PDB file of N, CA and C in Angstrom:
ATOM      1  N   GLU A   1     105.317 161.430  85.109  1.00  0.00           N
ATOM      2  CA  GLU A   1     106.012 160.240  86.117  1.00  0.00           C
ATOM      3  C   GLU A   1     106.069 159.098  85.423  1.00  0.00           C
ATOM      4  N   ASP A   2     106.280 158.670  85.534  1.00  0.00           N
ATOM      5  CA  ASP A   2     106.309 156.706  84.589  1.00  0.00           C
ATOM      6  C   ASP A   2     105.809 155.618  85.567  1.00  0.00           C
ATOM      7  N   GLY A   3     105.754 155.762  87.080  1.00  0.00           N
ATOM      8  CA  GLY A   3     105.845 154.786  87.794  1.00  0.00           C
ATOM      9  C   GLY A   3     106.467 154.008  88.350  1.00  0.00           C
ATOM     10  N   ASP A   4     107.825 154.400  88.082  1.00  0.00           N
ATOM     11  CA  ASP A   4     109.475 153.787  88.564  1.00  0.00           C
ATOM     12  C   ASP A   4     110.043 154.816  89.384  1.00  0.00           C
ATOM     13  N   LEU A   5     110.496 153.481  90.364  1.00  0.00           N
ATOM     14  CA  LEU A   5     110.305 154.242  91.824  1.00  0.00           C
ATOM     15  C   LEU A   5     111.714 154.111  92.301  1.00  0.00           C
ATOM     16  N   VAL A   6     111.999 155.474  92.437  1.00  0.00           N
ATOM     17  CA  VAL A   6     113.231 156.607  92.499  1.00  0.00           C
ATOM     18  C   VAL A   6     113.833 156.253  93.824  1.00  0.00           C
ATOM     19  N   GLN A   7     114.685 155.372  93.830  1.00  0.00           N
ATOM     20  CA  GLN A   7     115.751 155.410  95.097  1.00  0.00           C
ATOM     21  C   GLN A   7     116.424 156.730  95.708  1.00  0.00           C
ATOM     22  N   LEU A   8     115.627 156.885  96.912  1.00  0.00           N
ATOM     23  CA  LEU A   8     116.606 158.110  97.431  1.00  0.00           C
ATOM     24  C   LEU A   8     117.261 157.536  98.834  1.00  0.00           C
ATOM     25  N   ARG A   9     117.697 156.622  98.973  1.00  0.00           N
ATOM     26  CA  ARG A   9     118.554 156.278  99.769  1.00  0.00           C
ATOM     27  C   ARG A   9     119.906 155.541  99.501  1.00  0.00           C
ATOM     28  N   PHE A  10     120.928 155.846  99.389  1.00  0.00           N
ATOM     29  CA  PHE A  10     122.353 154.751  99.501  1.00  0.00           C
ATOM     30  C   PHE A  10     122.334 154.896 100.376  1.00  0.00           C
ATOM     31  N   VAL A  11     123.424 152.992 100.460  1.00  0.00           N
ATOM     32  CA  VAL A  11     124.000 152.930 101.171  1.00  0.00           C
ATOM     33  C   VAL A  11     125.673 153.425 101.204  1.00  0.00           C
ATOM     34  N   TYR A  12     126.430 153.617 101.744  1.00  0.00           N
ATOM     35  CA  TYR A  12     127.782 154.232 101.289  1.00  0.00           C
ATOM     36  C   TYR A  12     128.463 153.398 103.192  1.00  0.00           C
ATOM     37  N   VAL A  13     130.234 152.701 102.430  1.00  0.00           N
ATOM     38  CA  VAL A  13     130.867 151.765 103.891  1.00  0.00           C
ATOM     39  C   VAL A  13     131.839 152.987 103.394  1.00  0.00           C
ATOM     40  N   ASP A  14     132.340 153.635 104.868  1.00  0.00           N
ATOM     41  CA  ASP A  14     133.506 154.562 104.883  1.00  0.00           C
ATOM     42  C   ASP A  14     134.644 153.071 104.600  1.00  0.00           C
ATOM     43  N   GLU A  15     135.377 152.584 104.282  1.00  0.00           N
ATOM     44  CA  GLU A  15     136.423 152.140 103.868  1.00  0.00           C
ATOM     45  C   GLU A  15     137.436 152.455 104.460  1.00  0.00           C
ATOM     46  N   VAL A  16     138.043 153.121 105.262  1.00  0.00           N
ATOM     47  CA  VAL A  16     138.792 153.334 105.751  1.00  0.00           C
ATOM     48  C   VAL A  16     138.698 153.478 107.064  1.00  0.00           C
ATOM     49  N   ASP A  17     137.433 153.057 107.915  1.00  0.00           N
ATOM     50  CA  ASP A  17     137.075 152.956 108.895  1.00  0.00           C
ATOM     51  C   ASP A  17     136.482 151.674 108.830  1.00  0.00           C
ATOM     52  N   CYS A  18     136.269 150.184 107.835  1.00  0.00           N
ATOM     53  CA  CYS A  18     135.942 149.545 107.842  1.00  0.00           C
ATOM     54  C   CYS A  18     136.970 148.556 108.778  1.00  0.00           C
ATOM     55  N   ILE A  19     136.675 147.388 109.872  1.00  0.00           N
ATOM     56  CA  ILE A  19     137.748 146.262 109.575  1.00  0.00           C
ATOM     57  C   ILE A  19     137.457 145.005 109.004  1.00  0.00           C
ATOM     58  N   GLY A  20     137.174 144.977 108.612  1.00  0.00           N
ATOM     59  CA  GLY A  20     136.547 143.676 107.178  1.00  0.00           C
ATOM     60  C   GLY A  20     136.335 142.630 108.664  1.00  0.00           C
ATOM     61  N   CYS A  21     135.318 142.534 109.101  1.00  0.00           N
ATOM     62  CA  CYS A  21     134.696 141.457 109.655  1.00  0.00           C
ATOM     63  C   CYS A  21     133.802 140.852 108.869  1.00  0.00           C
ATOM     64  N   THR A  22     133.412 141.318 108.183  1.00  0.00           N
ATOM     65  CA  THR A  22     132.693 140.182 106.826  1.00  0.00           C
ATOM     66  C   THR A  22     131.126 140.854 107.227  1.00  0.00           C
ATOM     67  N   TYR A  23     130.586 140.616 108.537  1.00  0.00           N
ATOM     68  CA  TYR A  23     129.300 140.945 109.479  1.00  0.00           C
ATOM     69  C   TYR A  23     128.493 142.036 107.892  1.00  0.00           C
ATOM     70  N   CYS A  24     128.242 142.373 107.322  1.00  0.00           N
ATOM     71  CA  CYS A  24     127.439 143.185 106.248  1.00  0.00           C
ATOM     72  C   CYS A  24     127.638 142.319 105.136  1.00  0.00           C
ATOM     73  N   ALA A  25     128.276 141.721 104.801  1.00  0.00           N
ATOM     74  CA  ALA A  25     128.594 141.005 103.366  1.00  0.00           C
ATOM     75  C   ALA A  25     127.760 140.157 103.589  1.00  0.00           C
ATOM     76  N   GLY A  26     127.276 139.394 104.709  1.00  0.00           N
ATOM     77  CA  GLY A  26     126.958 137.815 105.550  1.00  0.00           C
ATOM     78  C   GLY A  26     125.354 138.205 105.157  1.00  0.00           C
ATOM     79  N   VAL A  27     125.462 139.270 105.884  1.00  0.00           N
ATOM     80  CA  VAL A  27     123.836 140.195 106.435  1.00  0.00           C
ATOM     81  C   VAL A  27     123.413 140.421 105.069  1.00  0.00           C
ATOM     82  N   ALA A  28     123.033 140.647 103.547  1.00  0.00           N
ATOM     83  CA  ALA A  28     122.776 141.678 103.362  1.00  0.00           C
ATOM     84  C   ALA A  28     124.197 141.685 101.753  1.00  0.00           C
ATOM     85  N   ARG A  29     124.699 140.084 100.962  1.00  0.00           N
ATOM     86  CA  ARG A  29     125.209 139.288 100.690  1.00  0.00           C
ATOM     87  C   ARG A  29     124.870 140.059  98.371  1.00  0.00           C
ATOM     88  N   ASN A  30     123.989 140.212  98.830  1.00  0.00           N
ATOM     89  CA  ASN A  30     123.718 140.932  97.189  1.00  0.00           C
ATOM     90  C   ASN A  30     124.066 142.336  97.017  1.00  0.00           C
ATOM     91  N   THR A  31     124.132 143.063  98.355  1.00  0.00           N
ATOM     92  CA  THR A  31     124.891 144.323  98.305  1.00  0.00           C
ATOM     93  C   THR A  31     126.115 144.642  98.372  1.00  0.00           C
ATOM     94  N   PHE A  32     126.932 143.869  99.631  1.00  0.00           N
ATOM     95  CA  PHE A  32     127.674 144.580  99.614  1.00  0.00           C
ATOM     96  C   PHE A  32     129.037 143.301  99.401  1.00  0.00           C
ATOM     97  N   PHE A  33     129.724 143.237  99.234  1.00  0.00           N
ATOM     98  CA  PHE A  33     131.063 142.378  99.259  1.00  0.00           C
ATOM     99  C   PHE A  33     133.184 142.321 100.113  1.00  0.00           C
ATOM    100  N   MET A  34     133.296 141.743  99.476  1.00  0.00           N
ATOM    101  CA  MET A  34     134.342 142.373 100.455  1.00  0.00           C
ATOM    102  C   MET A  34     135.246 142.092 100.260  1.00  0.00           C
ATOM    103  N   GLU A  35     136.401 143.564  99.110  1.00  0.00           N
ATOM    104  CA  GLU A  35     136.922 143.734  98.303  1.00  0.00           C
ATOM    105  C   GLU A  35     137.892 142.749  99.093  1.00  0.00           C
ATOM    106  N   GLU A  36     138.785 142.524  98.471  1.00  0.00           N
ATOM    107  CA  GLU A  36     140.129 141.039  98.426  1.00  0.00           C
ATOM    108  C   GLU A  36     141.167 142.166  99.069  1.00  0.00           C
ATOM    109  N   GLU A  37     140.943 142.116  98.278  1.00  0.00           N
ATOM    110  CA  GLU A  37     142.864 143.300  97.869  1.00  0.00           C
ATOM    111  C   GLU A  37     143.605 144.154  99.302  1.00  0.00           C
ATOM    112  N   ALA A  38     141.795 145.108  99.727  1.00  0.00           N
ATOM    113  CA  ALA A  38     142.257 145.882 101.111  1.00  0.00           C
ATOM    114  C   ALA A  38     141.704 144.913 102.307  1.00  0.00           C
ATOM    115  N   GLY A  39     140.567 144.167 102.261  1.00  0.00           N
ATOM    116  CA  GLY A  39     139.807 143.030 102.888  1.00  0.00           C
ATOM    117  C   GLY A  39     138.405 143.746 103.158  1.00  0.00           C
ATOM    118  N   ARG A  40     138.299 144.830 102.481  1.00  0.00           N
ATOM    119  CA  ARG A  40     137.274 145.769 103.555  1.00  0.00           C
ATOM    120  C   ARG A  40     136.060 145.380 102.705  1.00  0.00           C
ATOM    121  N   ALA A  41     134.598 145.816 103.074  1.00  0.00           N
ATOM    122  CA  ALA A  41     133.494 145.576 102.769  1.00  0.00           C
ATOM    123  C   ALA A  41     133.615 146.989 101.723  1.00  0.00           C
ATOM    124  N   ARG A  42     132.039 146.759 100.485  1.00  0.00           N
ATOM    125  CA  ARG A  42     132.351 147.438  99.526  1.00  0.00           C
ATOM    126  C   ARG A  42     130.750 147.832  99.923  1.00  0.00           C
ATOM    127  N   ALA A  43     130.263 148.794  99.074  1.00  0.00           N
ATOM    128  CA  ALA A  43     128.308 148.413  98.536  1.00  0.00           C
ATOM    129  C   ALA A  43     128.299 147.891  96.841  1.00  0.00           C
ATOM    130  N   PHE A  44     128.399 147.159  96.564  1.00  0.00           N
ATOM    131  CA  PHE A  44     129.175 146.981  94.877  1.00  0.00           C
ATOM    132  C   PHE A  44     127.354 146.807  94.215  1.00  0.00           C
ATOM    133  N   LEU A  45     126.004 146.668  95.097  1.00  0.00           N
ATOM    134  CA  LEU A  45     124.760 147.081  94.489  1.00  0.00           C
ATOM    135  C   LEU A  45     123.128 147.548  95.166  1.00  0.00           C
ATOM    136  N   GLN A  46     122.988 148.719  94.513  1.00  0.00           N
ATOM    137  CA  GLN A  46     122.616 148.971  95.129  1.00  0.00           C
ATOM    138  C   GLN A  46     121.720 149.070  95.614  1.00  0.00           C
ATOM    139  N   GLY A  47     120.228 148.791  96.137  1.00  0.00           N
ATOM    140  CA  GLY A  47     119.138 148.200  96.053  1.00  0.00           C
ATOM    141  C   GLY A  47     118.987 146.700  96.114  1.00  0.00           C
ATOM    142  N   GLY A  48     120.220 145.846  96.112  1.00  0.00           N
ATOM    143  CA  GLY A  48     120.591 144.055  95.701  1.00  0.00           C
ATOM    144  C   GLY A  48     120.283 142.881  97.266  1.00  0.00           C
ATOM    145  N   ASP A  49     119.544 143.760  97.437  1.00  0.00           N
ATOM    146  CA  ASP A  49     118.378 143.647  98.364  1.00  0.00           C
ATOM    147  C   ASP A  49     117.762 143.726  99.154  1.00  0.00           C
ATOM    148  N   ASP A  50     116.706 142.830 100.036  1.00  0.00           N
ATOM    149  CA  ASP A  50     115.280 144.161 100.142  1.00  0.00           C
ATOM    150  C   ASP A  50     115.477 145.142 101.444  1.00  0.00           C
ATOM    151  N   PRO A  51     114.859 146.073 101.661  1.00  0.00           N
ATOM    152  CA  PRO A  51     115.168 147.348 102.374  1.00  0.00           C
ATOM    153  C   PRO A  51     115.933 146.964 104.222  1.00  0.00           C
ATOM    154  N   GLU A  52     114.909 145.785 104.516  1.00  0.00           N
ATOM    155  CA  GLU A  52     115.518 144.835 105.625  1.00  0.00           C
ATOM    156  C   GLU A  52     116.649 144.400 105.983  1.00  0.00           C
ATOM    157  N   ALA A  53     117.032 143.354 104.732  1.00  0.00           N
ATOM    158  CA  ALA A  53     117.866 143.358 104.506  1.00  0.00           C
ATOM    159  C   ALA A  53     119.688 144.076 104.934  1.00  0.00           C
ATOM    160  N   SER A  54     119.486 145.077 104.387  1.00  0.00           N
ATOM    161  CA  SER A  54     120.587 146.700 104.716  1.00  0.00           C
ATOM    162  C   SER A  54     120.240 146.998 105.093  1.00  0.00           C
ATOM    163  N   ALA A  55     118.982 147.085 106.186  1.00  0.00           N
ATOM    164  CA  ALA A  55     119.202 147.605 107.631  1.00  0.00           C
ATOM    165  C   ALA A  55     119.732 146.845 108.189  1.00  0.00           C
ATOM    166  N   SER A  56     119.787 145.965 108.936  1.00  0.00           N
ATOM    167  CA  SER A  56     120.320 144.846 109.464  1.00  0.00           C
ATOM    168  C   SER A  56     122.228 145.164 109.562  1.00  0.00           C
ATOM    169  N   ALA A  57     122.482 145.032 107.747  1.00  0.00           N
ATOM    170  CA  ALA A  57     123.702 145.124 108.051  1.00  0.00           C
ATOM    171  C   ALA A  57     124.009 146.180 108.340  1.00  0.00           C
ATOM    172  N   ILE A  58     123.927 147.375 107.748  1.00  0.00           N
ATOM    173  CA  ILE A  58     124.244 148.547 108.843  1.00  0.00           C
ATOM    174  C   ILE A  58     124.311 148.453 110.454  1.00  0.00           C
ATOM    175  N   GLU A  59     122.586 148.171 110.926  1.00  0.00           N
ATOM    176  CA  GLU A  59     123.621 148.071 112.367  1.00  0.00           C
ATOM    177  C   GLU A  59     124.431 146.882 113.294  1.00  0.00           C
ATOM    178  N   CYS A  60     125.017 145.655 112.257  1.00  0.00           N
ATOM    179  CA  CYS A  60     125.518 145.106 112.662  1.00  0.00           C
ATOM    180  C   CYS A  60     127.088 145.418 112.830  1.00  0.00           C
ATOM    181  N   CYS A  61     126.858 146.355 112.378  1.00  0.00           N
ATOM    182  CA  CYS A  61     128.405 147.461 111.761  1.00  0.00           C
ATOM    183  C   CYS A  61     128.966 147.867 112.915  1.00  0.00           C
ATOM    184  N   PRO A  62     130.347 146.527 113.497  1.00  0.00           N
ATOM    185  CA  PRO A  62     130.662 147.236 115.096  1.00  0.00           C
ATOM    186  C   PRO A  62     131.440 148.575 115.209  1.00  0.00           C
ATOM    187  N   VAL A  63     131.586 148.967 113.921  1.00  0.00           N
ATOM    188  CA  VAL A  63     132.684 150.647 113.744  1.00  0.00           C
ATOM    189  C   VAL A  63     131.812 151.406 113.674  1.00  0.00           C
ATOM    190  N   ASN A  64     130.235 151.596 112.704  1.00  0.00           N
ATOM    191  CA  ASN A  64     128.938 151.993 112.551  1.00  0.00           C
ATOM    192  C   ASN A  64     130.022 152.812 110.968  1.00  0.00           C
ATOM    193  N   CYS A  65     130.202 152.237 110.420  1.00  0.00           N
ATOM    194  CA  CYS A  65     131.312 152.672 108.956  1.00  0.00           C
ATOM    195  C   CYS A  65     130.129 153.194 107.448  1.00  0.00           C
ATOM    196  N   ILE A  66     129.529 151.764 107.902  1.00  0.00           N
ATOM    197  CA  ILE A  66     127.975 152.694 106.941  1.00  0.00           C
ATOM    198  C   ILE A  66     126.374 152.557 106.879  1.00  0.00           C
ATOM    199  N   ASN A  67     126.401 153.756 106.345  1.00  0.00           N
ATOM    200  CA  ASN A  67     125.505 154.451 106.284  1.00  0.00           C
ATOM    201  C   ASN A  67     124.717 154.280 104.995  1.00  0.00           C
ATOM    202  N   TYR A  68     123.426 155.904 105.571  1.00  0.00           N
ATOM    203  CA  TYR A  68     123.090 156.188 104.205  1.00  0.00           C
ATOM    204  C   TYR A  68     122.839 156.881 103.740  1.00  0.00           C
ATOM    205  N   VAL A  69     123.443 157.370 103.068  1.00  0.00           N
ATOM    206  CA  VAL A  69     123.974 158.841 102.235  1.00  0.00           C
ATOM    207  C   VAL A  69     122.464 159.023 100.667  1.00  0.00           C
ATOM    208  N   ASP A  70     122.454 160.471 100.486  1.00  0.00           N
ATOM    209  CA  ASP A  70     121.496 160.148  99.427  1.00  0.00           C
ATOM    210  C   ASP A  70     121.768 160.089  98.056  1.00  0.00           C
ATOM    211  N   TYR A  71     122.078 160.831  96.902  1.00  0.00           N
ATOM    212  CA  TYR A  71     123.300 160.015  95.818  1.00  0.00           C
ATOM    213  C   TYR A  71     123.655 161.362  95.650  1.00  0.00           C
ATOM    214  N   GLU A  72     123.102 162.362  96.242  1.00  0.00           N
ATOM    215  CA  GLU A  72     124.054 163.954  95.378  1.00  0.00           C
ATOM    216  C   GLU A  72     125.420 163.396  96.973  1.00  0.00           C
ATOM    217  N   ASN A  73     125.184 163.184  97.874  1.00  0.00           N
ATOM    218  CA  ASN A  73     126.678 162.756  98.507  1.00  0.00           C
ATOM    219  C   ASN A  73     126.606 161.493  98.092  1.00  0.00           C
ATOM    220  N   LEU A  74     125.832 160.985  97.557  1.00  0.00           N
ATOM    221  CA  LEU A  74     126.942 159.165  97.088  1.00  0.00           C
ATOM    222  C   LEU A  74     128.471 159.495  96.882  1.00  0.00           C
ATOM    223  N   GLU A  75     127.726 160.614  95.074  1.00  0.00           N
ATOM    224  CA  GLU A  75     128.607 160.736  94.641  1.00  0.00           C
ATOM    225  C   GLU A  75     129.583 161.406  94.409  1.00  0.00           C
ATOM    226  N   ILE A  76     129.695 161.980  95.993  1.00  0.00           N
ATOM    227  CA  ILE A  76     130.618 162.952  95.861  1.00  0.00           C
ATOM    228  C   ILE A  76     131.875 161.920  97.228  1.00  0.00           C
ATOM    229  N   LEU A  77     131.276 160.838  98.422  1.00  0.00           N
ATOM    230  CA  LEU A  77     132.106 159.891  98.584  1.00  0.00           C
ATOM    231  C   LEU A  77     132.696 159.002  97.507  1.00  0.00           C
ATOM    232  N   GLU A  78     131.847 158.500  97.002  1.00  0.00           N
ATOM    233  CA  GLU A  78     132.088 157.210  96.149  1.00  0.00           C
ATOM    234  C   GLU A  78     134.311 158.699  94.930  1.00  0.00           C
ATOM    235  N   LYS A  79     134.121 159.942  95.025  1.00  0.00           N
ATOM    236  CA  LYS A  79     134.872 159.719  94.279  1.00  0.00           C
ATOM    237  C   LYS A  79     136.995 159.741  95.300  1.00  0.00           C
TER     238      LYS A  79
END
């Protein structure tokens, strides 16, 4: 091991359930953005904000469409 930190949890936004409230993008603006065409949130930079900001973004989602997933599941969900 070379001392690099390996990320074990990733954020995933279920864009089908997202209502476009913009809360997550306001709380963790380096991780989430609002996709203009669909008007829904998307995670664009994993680890872009500190873990507390990401956790706050997940907690403030009124429809609970943001979740932590492992890398294997993230790959499947992003297809």
